[in-house]
C-alpha cells in the first residue's frame, strides 16, 4: 500500500501537495484548479474552486494503480467536509488503527475532525472512484451573512470529542443539485455565483434532512432556493457591472432562509460518532 500525507492549509497549498504526491500537472485560472494525473501511482483528475472564507468545492475522478492510504492532518478549526460518492467506494478511519467506515455509491459522508488524530482515507487499486467534496469552515464572525447557516451546521455536524462522522443514503434532491453544479455552462463571475447558490442549497438540504420536521420545512426552502437559482440564470446574460448590481438580492434571500432555519430547525437528533 502506498501511504500519502496531506498537510491541510490554504487551498493552493492543498492542490500543490496533491500535485507533488501524484506527480500531476496543475493548472489554475483565477480560483479554479485542475489537476491532471497520469503517473505510475494513479490516473484521472481532481478539480476544485475556492471561494471566500475558505469555502471550497472539489471533485475527484481517479483510479489508483496501488492500494492507497491518504492521512489528512487534523487541526483545531478544521472545517466540515460533505462528501458525495458517485462511483466506487472509499474507506475512512480516525487514525490508522481506528474503526473503518465505507462510503459507497449514492451515499453521503459528513466529517469533522478537530482532534489530535488524523483522518485517514483508503482507496482500492484499479477501481474507479468519483466523489464531490464541499468544504465548509466553522469559524465565522456573528456579523457575517453566513453566521446562522454555519451555526446550524456546527451544532449538527460537530461534537465535543472532536471526531464526527455520519454516513447515509444520499438525498435525491442533493443528487440533482450536484448534477447542476457539475454542468454549469456559464463562466467567470456568474459561474461562481451559481456555484455558491447551489452549494448553499445543498447545505440547507442537509440541515433540513437532519432535522425532526423535514417534511414541513422543505417546501418553503425549495421555493426560495429555486427563486435564487432562477434569478442567477436570468442575470447570466448581463455584463459584469450589471451582475454586480444584481447581487444585492442575495442578502435578502439569505435572511429569508436563515429566518426559516432559526424558526423551524431544532437541534440535531442524530447520534454523533466519536
Protein backbone atom coordinates (compact mmCIF):
# COMPACT_ATOMS: atom_id res chain seq x y z
CA UNK A 1 0.00 0.00 0.00
CA UNK A 2 1.22 3.48 -0.89
CA UNK A 3 0.93 5.88 2.06
CA UNK A 4 0.40 9.58 1.40
CA UNK A 5 0.18 12.52 3.80
CA UNK A 6 -1.67 15.79 3.28
CA UNK A 7 -0.97 18.87 5.39
CA UNK A 8 -4.15 20.91 5.47
CA UNK A 9 -3.91 24.63 4.87
CA UNK A 10 -4.72 27.07 2.13
CA UNK A 11 -6.49 25.75 -0.95
CA UNK A 12 -3.48 26.47 -3.15
CA UNK A 13 -1.23 24.53 -0.76
CA UNK A 14 -3.55 21.51 -0.77
CA UNK A 15 -3.57 21.31 -4.56
CA UNK A 16 0.20 21.68 -4.76
CA UNK A 17 0.63 18.90 -2.19
CA UNK A 18 -1.70 16.68 -4.24
CA UNK A 19 0.26 17.59 -7.35
CA UNK A 20 3.54 16.50 -5.71
CA UNK A 21 2.01 13.33 -4.24
CA UNK A 22 0.59 12.12 -7.55
CA UNK A 23 3.12 13.68 -9.95
CA UNK A 24 0.29 15.57 -11.64
CA UNK A 25 0.03 18.59 -13.92
CA UNK A 26 -1.68 21.53 -12.18
CA UNK A 27 -3.29 24.46 -13.99
CA UNK A 28 -5.13 27.36 -12.35
CA UNK A 29 -7.45 30.04 -13.70
CA UNK A 30 -8.49 32.63 -11.12
CA UNK A 31 -9.94 30.45 -8.33
CA UNK A 32 -10.41 27.31 -10.44
CA UNK A 33 -7.91 24.44 -10.12
CA UNK A 34 -7.44 21.49 -12.46
CA UNK A 35 -5.01 18.71 -11.56
CA UNK A 36 -4.47 16.14 -14.33
CA UNK A 37 -2.86 12.92 -13.10
CA UNK A 38 -1.21 10.25 -15.22
CA UNK A 39 1.63 8.56 -13.38
CA UNK A 40 2.71 5.19 -12.06
CA UNK A 41 0.55 5.84 -8.98
CA UNK A 42 -2.76 6.89 -10.50
CA UNK A 43 -4.64 8.42 -13.41
CA UNK A 44 -7.56 10.81 -13.55
CA UNK A 45 -8.19 14.35 -12.39
CA UNK A 46 -9.01 16.48 -9.38
CA UNK A 47 -10.78 19.79 -9.94
CA UNK A 48 -11.74 22.46 -7.46
CA UNK A 49 -12.98 26.00 -6.92
CA UNK A 50 -12.07 28.18 -3.98
CA UNK A 51 -14.42 30.87 -2.67
CA UNK A 52 -14.04 33.48 0.04
CA UNK A 53 -13.65 32.50 3.72
CA UNK A 54 -12.01 29.17 2.74
CA UNK A 55 -15.26 27.70 1.39
CA UNK A 56 -14.39 25.34 -1.45
CA UNK A 57 -15.68 22.65 -3.78
CA UNK A 58 -13.65 19.73 -5.13
CA UNK A 59 -14.39 16.84 -7.47
CA UNK A 60 -12.31 13.67 -7.66
CA UNK A 61 -12.29 11.24 -10.59
CA UNK A 62 -9.42 8.79 -10.08
CA UNK A 63 -8.17 5.26 -10.50
CA UNK A 64 -5.20 4.21 -8.38
CA UNK A 65 -2.63 1.65 -9.53
CA UNK A 66 -1.88 0.61 -5.95
CA UNK A 67 -3.91 0.49 -2.77
CA UNK A 68 -3.51 3.96 -1.27
CA UNK A 69 -3.97 5.46 2.18
CA UNK A 70 -4.18 9.25 2.50
CA UNK A 71 -3.60 10.63 6.00
CA UNK A 72 -5.01 14.16 6.39
CA UNK A 73 -3.68 16.41 9.12
CA UNK A 74 -6.25 17.48 11.72
CA UNK A 75 -6.37 20.92 13.33
CA UNK A 76 -8.46 22.78 15.91
CA UNK A 77 -10.51 24.86 13.49
CA UNK A 78 -10.99 22.10 10.90
CA UNK A 79 -13.95 22.62 8.54
CA UNK A 80 -16.89 20.31 7.98
CA UNK A 81 -16.49 18.08 4.92
CA UNK A 82 -19.55 16.97 2.94
CA UNK A 83 -18.62 14.06 0.66
CA UNK A 84 -20.92 12.67 -2.04
CA UNK A 85 -19.88 9.40 -3.67
CA UNK A 86 -20.87 8.98 -7.32
CA UNK A 87 -18.87 5.89 -8.33
CA UNK A 88 -16.91 3.24 -6.46
CA UNK A 89 -16.22 3.50 -2.74
CA UNK A 90 -13.71 4.78 -0.20
CA UNK A 91 -12.98 3.85 3.39
CA UNK A 92 -12.44 6.20 6.34
CA UNK A 93 -10.98 5.92 9.82
CA UNK A 94 -9.85 8.28 12.56
CA UNK A 95 -6.20 7.26 12.82
CA UNK A 96 -4.58 4.23 11.24
CA UNK A 97 -6.00 1.92 13.93
CA UNK A 98 -9.47 3.42 14.17
CA UNK A 99 -12.77 1.83 13.18
CA UNK A 100 -13.24 1.82 9.41
CA UNK A 101 -16.41 3.03 7.72
CA UNK A 102 -17.15 2.70 3.99
CA UNK A 103 -18.69 5.42 1.84
CA UNK A 104 -20.37 3.77 -1.15
CA UNK A 105 -22.00 4.94 -4.37
CA UNK A 106 -25.05 7.17 -3.79
CA UNK A 107 -24.10 7.73 -0.17
CA UNK A 108 -23.27 10.91 1.71
CA UNK A 109 -20.47 11.24 4.25
CA UNK A 110 -20.25 14.19 6.67
CA UNK A 111 -17.00 14.60 8.58
CA UNK A 112 -15.41 16.94 11.08
CA UNK A 113 -12.15 16.27 12.90
CA UNK A 114 -10.65 18.74 15.37
CA UNK A 115 -8.91 16.10 17.50
CA UNK A 116 -5.21 15.26 17.55
CA UNK A 117 -5.83 12.13 15.45
CA UNK A 118 -5.51 12.37 11.68
CA UNK A 119 -8.28 11.47 9.26
CA UNK A 120 -7.27 8.54 7.04
CA UNK A 121 -8.87 7.70 3.67
CA UNK A 122 -8.29 4.39 1.90
CA UNK A 123 -8.64 3.73 -1.83
CA UNK A 124 -8.55 0.34 -3.58
CA UNK A 125 -6.38 -0.22 -6.62
CA UNK A 126 -7.83 -0.41 -10.15
CA UNK A 127 -11.31 0.68 -9.04
CA UNK A 128 -12.59 4.00 -10.32
CA UNK A 129 -13.65 6.42 -7.60
CA UNK A 130 -15.69 9.57 -8.19
CA UNK A 131 -16.86 11.86 -5.42
CA UNK A 132 -17.61 15.50 -4.77
CA UNK A 133 -16.50 17.40 -1.69
CA UNK A 134 -17.86 20.60 -0.19
CA UNK A 135 -15.60 22.14 2.45
CA UNK A 136 -17.33 24.50 4.89
CA UNK A 137 -15.43 26.43 7.61
CA UNK A 138 -16.95 26.58 11.08
CA UNK A 139 -15.21 29.73 12.32
CA UNK A 140 -17.21 32.80 11.35
CA UNK A 141 -18.00 36.23 12.77
CA UNK A 142 -21.52 36.90 14.06
CA UNK A 143 -21.64 39.90 11.72
CA UNK A 144 -21.26 37.80 8.57
CA UNK A 145 -24.23 36.81 6.41
CA UNK A 146 -23.43 33.10 6.70
CA UNK A 147 -23.34 33.10 10.53
CA UNK A 148 -26.76 31.47 11.07
CA UNK A 149 -26.20 28.78 8.45
CA UNK A 150 -22.76 27.88 9.78
CA UNK A 151 -24.05 27.89 13.37
CA UNK A 152 -26.66 25.31 12.37
CA UNK A 153 -24.07 23.17 10.58
CA UNK A 154 -21.72 23.34 13.56
CA UNK A 155 -24.40 22.29 16.04
CA UNK A 156 -25.48 19.38 13.85
CA UNK A 157 -22.19 18.05 12.50
CA UNK A 158 -19.57 18.51 15.21
CA UNK A 159 -19.20 17.20 18.74
CA UNK A 160 -17.08 17.72 21.84
CA UNK A 161 -14.89 14.67 21.24
CA UNK A 162 -13.53 16.31 18.09
CA UNK A 163 -14.41 13.33 15.86
CA UNK A 164 -17.72 13.37 13.99
CA UNK A 165 -18.75 11.17 11.08
CA UNK A 166 -22.10 10.39 9.50
CA UNK A 167 -22.68 8.09 6.52
CA UNK A 168 -26.10 7.57 4.99
CA UNK A 169 -28.13 7.39 1.80
CA UNK A 170 -27.81 10.41 -0.47
CA UNK A 171 -30.83 12.72 -0.67
CA UNK A 172 -32.18 12.61 -4.28
CA UNK A 173 -32.63 16.39 -4.24
CA UNK A 174 -28.94 16.75 -3.38
CA UNK A 175 -28.06 14.40 -6.24
CA UNK A 176 -29.92 16.76 -8.59
CA UNK A 177 -28.10 19.78 -7.18
CA UNK A 178 -24.72 18.09 -7.59
CA UNK A 179 -25.52 17.42 -11.24
CA UNK A 180 -26.40 21.10 -11.68
CA UNK A 181 -23.12 22.03 -10.00
CA UNK A 182 -21.09 19.96 -12.47
CA UNK A 183 -22.89 21.17 -15.60
CA UNK A 184 -22.96 24.97 -15.22
CA UNK A 185 -22.22 26.38 -18.70
CA UNK A 186 -21.51 29.96 -17.62
CA UNK A 187 -18.02 31.27 -16.97
CA UNK A 188 -16.34 33.77 -14.67
CA UNK A 189 -18.27 35.74 -12.05
CA UNK A 190 -21.69 34.36 -12.94
CA UNK A 191 -20.37 30.81 -12.76
CA UNK A 192 -19.02 31.43 -9.26
CA UNK A 193 -22.33 32.94 -8.14
CA UNK A 194 -24.24 29.94 -9.48
CA UNK A 195 -21.83 27.54 -7.76
CA UNK A 196 -22.24 29.30 -4.42
CA UNK A 197 -26.02 29.31 -4.80
CA UNK A 198 -26.13 25.55 -5.46
CA UNK A 199 -23.74 24.75 -2.61
CA UNK A 200 -25.86 26.82 -0.21
CA UNK A 201 -28.90 24.85 -1.37
CA UNK A 202 -27.10 21.55 -0.75
CA UNK A 203 -26.04 22.55 2.76
CA UNK A 204 -29.52 23.73 3.67
CA UNK A 205 -30.95 20.46 2.36
CA UNK A 206 -28.55 18.66 4.68
CA UNK A 207 -29.80 20.73 7.61
CA UNK A 208 -33.41 20.02 6.66
CA UNK A 209 -32.78 16.29 6.24
CA UNK A 210 -31.16 16.02 9.66
CA UNK A 211 -33.99 17.87 11.40
CA UNK A 212 -37.12 16.44 13.01
CA UNK A 213 -39.72 18.25 10.88
CA UNK A 214 -38.11 17.72 7.47
CA UNK A 215 -41.40 17.37 5.59
CA UNK A 216 -42.86 20.66 6.83
CA UNK A 217 -39.82 22.87 6.20
CA UNK A 218 -38.56 21.52 2.90
CA UNK A 219 -41.29 23.03 0.68
CA UNK A 220 -40.69 26.71 1.57
CA UNK A 221 -36.95 26.16 1.43
CA UNK A 222 -37.10 24.66 -2.07
CA UNK A 223 -39.17 27.63 -3.21
CA UNK A 224 -36.54 30.09 -2.00
CA UNK A 225 -33.67 28.07 -3.44
CA UNK A 226 -35.32 27.87 -6.84
CA UNK A 227 -36.06 31.59 -6.76
CA UNK A 228 -32.40 32.34 -6.14
CA UNK A 229 -31.19 29.96 -8.85
CA UNK A 230 -33.66 31.29 -11.41
CA UNK A 231 -32.57 34.84 -10.68
CA UNK A 232 -28.94 33.87 -11.19
CA UNK A 233 -29.74 32.26 -14.53
CA UNK A 234 -31.60 35.42 -15.53
CA UNK A 235 -28.57 37.63 -14.93
CA UNK A 236 -26.20 35.23 -16.72
CA UNK A 237 -26.53 37.28 -19.90
CA UNK A 238 -25.67 40.58 -18.25
CA UNK A 239 -22.32 42.30 -18.36
CA UNK A 240 -20.08 42.42 -15.27
CA UNK A 241 -21.36 45.72 -13.88
CA UNK A 242 -24.99 44.59 -14.21
CA UNK A 243 -24.16 41.35 -12.40
CA UNK A 244 -22.53 43.22 -9.53
CA UNK A 245 -25.58 45.49 -9.28
CA UNK A 246 -27.90 42.47 -9.15
CA UNK A 247 -26.01 40.77 -6.32
CA UNK A 248 -27.96 42.91 -3.87
CA UNK A 249 -30.80 40.39 -3.88
CA UNK A 250 -28.60 37.73 -2.19
CA UNK A 251 -28.58 39.14 1.36
CA UNK A 252 -32.37 39.44 1.31
CA UNK A 253 -32.78 35.80 0.28
CA UNK A 254 -30.20 34.68 2.82
CA UNK A 255 -32.06 36.47 5.60
CA UNK A 256 -35.33 34.88 4.50
CA UNK A 257 -33.74 31.44 4.50
CA UNK A 258 -31.98 31.98 7.82
CA UNK A 259 -35.33 33.00 9.29
CA UNK A 260 -36.64 29.61 8.24
CA UNK A 261 -33.63 27.93 9.79
CA UNK A 262 -33.99 29.74 13.11
CA UNK A 263 -37.75 29.31 13.27
CA UNK A 264 -38.05 25.66 12.33
CA UNK A 265 -34.78 23.77 12.77
CA UNK A 266 -34.25 22.05 16.13
CA UNK A 267 -31.02 20.62 17.41
CA UNK A 268 -29.70 17.59 15.56
CA UNK A 269 -31.20 14.35 16.81
CA UNK A 270 -28.64 12.08 15.16
CA UNK A 271 -26.08 10.32 17.30
CA UNK A 272 -22.63 11.82 16.84
CA UNK A 273 -19.99 9.16 16.49
CA UNK A 274 -16.65 9.58 18.18
